[in-house]
């Protein structure tokens, strides 16, 4: 999109238009906020596995070693996936 002074502006558009000021700033903050929430959920699920340790052991009827392996693999896969 060309501005009045002839300089091309790039904007992250949602549905063809950017919400807010029109220069992409609002869309950029939307990406930042959604990334923050996604990372919070991802780390929250991974690091809260210890809270549910006893529940996992009872539900799956496994010993402490296998239950620990299951919760450790969750964290290892998260970091192994490149996060």
C-alpha atoms as a PDB file:
ATOM      1  CA  UNK A   1       0.000   0.000   0.000  1.00  0.00           C
ATOM      2  CA  UNK A   2       1.390   3.429  -0.893  1.00  0.00           C
ATOM      3  CA  UNK A   3       1.131   6.263   1.587  1.00  0.00           C
ATOM      4  CA  UNK A   4       0.582   9.905   0.651  1.00  0.00           C
ATOM      5  CA  UNK A   5       4.316  10.550   0.406  1.00  0.00           C
ATOM      6  CA  UNK A   6       4.790   7.659  -2.045  1.00  0.00           C
ATOM      7  CA  UNK A   7       6.527   5.311   0.409  1.00  0.00           C
ATOM      8  CA  UNK A   8       5.220   1.786   0.384  1.00  0.00           C
ATOM      9  CA  UNK A   9       4.001   0.567   3.758  1.00  0.00           C
ATOM     10  CA  UNK A  10       3.682  -3.064   4.676  1.00  0.00           C
ATOM     11  CA  UNK A  11       1.044  -4.142   7.123  1.00  0.00           C
ATOM     12  CA  UNK A  12       0.017  -7.448   8.608  1.00  0.00           C
ATOM     13  CA  UNK A  13      -3.569  -7.647   7.528  1.00  0.00           C
ATOM     14  CA  UNK A  14      -6.293  -9.681   9.113  1.00  0.00           C
ATOM     15  CA  UNK A  15      -9.030 -10.356   6.603  1.00  0.00           C
ATOM     16  CA  UNK A  16      -7.568  -7.829   4.189  1.00  0.00           C
ATOM     17  CA  UNK A  17      -7.590  -4.958   6.685  1.00  0.00           C
ATOM     18  CA  UNK A  18      -5.669  -4.176   9.821  1.00  0.00           C
ATOM     19  CA  UNK A  19      -7.591  -3.297  12.919  1.00  0.00           C
ATOM     20  CA  UNK A  20      -6.716   0.001  14.542  1.00  0.00           C
ATOM     21  CA  UNK A  21      -4.466   2.685  13.129  1.00  0.00           C
ATOM     22  CA  UNK A  22      -4.051   1.049   9.758  1.00  0.00           C
ATOM     23  CA  UNK A  23      -0.251   0.869   9.790  1.00  0.00           C
ATOM     24  CA  UNK A  24       0.040  -2.669  11.160  1.00  0.00           C
ATOM     25  CA  UNK A  25       0.970  -1.608  14.694  1.00  0.00           C
ATOM     26  CA  UNK A  26      -2.206  -3.003  16.192  1.00  0.00           C
ATOM     27  CA  UNK A  27      -1.807  -6.280  14.312  1.00  0.00           C
ATOM     28  CA  UNK A  28       1.780  -6.556  15.563  1.00  0.00           C
ATOM     29  CA  UNK A  29       0.650  -6.207  19.170  1.00  0.00           C
ATOM     30  CA  UNK A  30      -2.022  -8.815  18.532  1.00  0.00           C
ATOM     31  CA  UNK A  31       0.676 -11.241  17.386  1.00  0.00           C
ATOM     32  CA  UNK A  32       2.806 -10.435  20.444  1.00  0.00           C
ATOM     33  CA  UNK A  33      -0.113 -10.945  22.837  1.00  0.00           C
ATOM     34  CA  UNK A  34      -1.229 -14.190  21.232  1.00  0.00           C
ATOM     35  CA  UNK A  35       2.351 -15.522  21.254  1.00  0.00           C
ATOM     36  CA  UNK A  36       2.626 -14.669  24.940  1.00  0.00           C
ATOM     37  CA  UNK A  37      -0.583 -16.561  25.717  1.00  0.00           C
ATOM     38  CA  UNK A  38       0.451 -19.552  23.579  1.00  0.00           C
ATOM     39  CA  UNK A  39       3.845 -19.787  25.301  1.00  0.00           C
ATOM     40  CA  UNK A  40       2.203 -19.454  28.707  1.00  0.00           C
ATOM     41  CA  UNK A  41      -0.163 -22.317  27.970  1.00  0.00           C
ATOM     42  CA  UNK A  42       2.619 -24.464  26.519  1.00  0.00           C
ATOM     43  CA  UNK A  43       4.972 -23.978  29.468  1.00  0.00           C
ATOM     44  CA  UNK A  44       2.093 -24.242  31.926  1.00  0.00           C
ATOM     45  CA  UNK A  45       1.063 -27.641  30.605  1.00  0.00           C
ATOM     46  CA  UNK A  46       4.635 -28.906  30.468  1.00  0.00           C
ATOM     47  CA  UNK A  47       5.781 -27.761  33.895  1.00  0.00           C
ATOM     48  CA  UNK A  48       2.548 -28.613  35.717  1.00  0.00           C
ATOM     49  CA  UNK A  49       2.908 -32.323  34.919  1.00  0.00           C
ATOM     50  CA  UNK A  50       4.411 -32.843  38.385  1.00  0.00           C
ATOM     51  CA  UNK A  51       1.215 -31.602  39.995  1.00  0.00           C
ATOM     52  CA  UNK A  52      -0.721 -34.381  38.305  1.00  0.00           C
ATOM     53  CA  UNK A  53       1.933 -37.048  39.003  1.00  0.00           C
ATOM     54  CA  UNK A  54      -0.183 -39.012  41.500  1.00  0.00           C
ATOM     55  CA  UNK A  55      -3.258 -38.761  39.291  1.00  0.00           C
ATOM     56  CA  UNK A  56      -1.316 -40.126  36.302  1.00  0.00           C
ATOM     57  CA  UNK A  57       0.094 -42.981  38.392  1.00  0.00           C
ATOM     58  CA  UNK A  58      -3.364 -43.993  39.622  1.00  0.00           C
ATOM     59  CA  UNK A  59      -5.154 -43.511  36.308  1.00  0.00           C
ATOM     60  CA  UNK A  60      -2.673 -45.485  34.216  1.00  0.00           C
ATOM     61  CA  UNK A  61      -1.818 -47.931  37.035  1.00  0.00           C
ATOM     62  CA  UNK A  62       1.936 -47.485  36.578  1.00  0.00           C
ATOM     63  CA  UNK A  63       4.873 -47.341  38.940  1.00  0.00           C
ATOM     64  CA  UNK A  64       6.863 -44.269  39.852  1.00  0.00           C
ATOM     65  CA  UNK A  65       9.563 -44.856  37.208  1.00  0.00           C
ATOM     66  CA  UNK A  66       7.195 -45.152  34.262  1.00  0.00           C
ATOM     67  CA  UNK A  67       5.113 -42.200  35.436  1.00  0.00           C
ATOM     68  CA  UNK A  68       8.260 -40.078  35.786  1.00  0.00           C
ATOM     69  CA  UNK A  69       9.341 -41.140  32.309  1.00  0.00           C
ATOM     70  CA  UNK A  70       5.983 -40.067  30.888  1.00  0.00           C
ATOM     71  CA  UNK A  71       6.160 -36.589  32.431  1.00  0.00           C
ATOM     72  CA  UNK A  72       9.845 -36.219  31.467  1.00  0.00           C
ATOM     73  CA  UNK A  73       9.124 -37.136  27.851  1.00  0.00           C
ATOM     74  CA  UNK A  74       6.556 -34.362  27.722  1.00  0.00           C
ATOM     75  CA  UNK A  75       9.194 -31.775  28.611  1.00  0.00           C
ATOM     76  CA  UNK A  76      11.860 -33.413  26.418  1.00  0.00           C
ATOM     77  CA  UNK A  77       9.568 -33.378  23.383  1.00  0.00           C
ATOM     78  CA  UNK A  78       8.773 -29.713  23.969  1.00  0.00           C
ATOM     79  CA  UNK A  79      12.456 -28.766  23.966  1.00  0.00           C
ATOM     80  CA  UNK A  80      13.330 -31.266  21.258  1.00  0.00           C
ATOM     81  CA  UNK A  81      10.758 -29.726  18.940  1.00  0.00           C
ATOM     82  CA  UNK A  82      12.859 -26.573  18.894  1.00  0.00           C
ATOM     83  CA  UNK A  83      11.159 -24.423  21.460  1.00  0.00           C
END
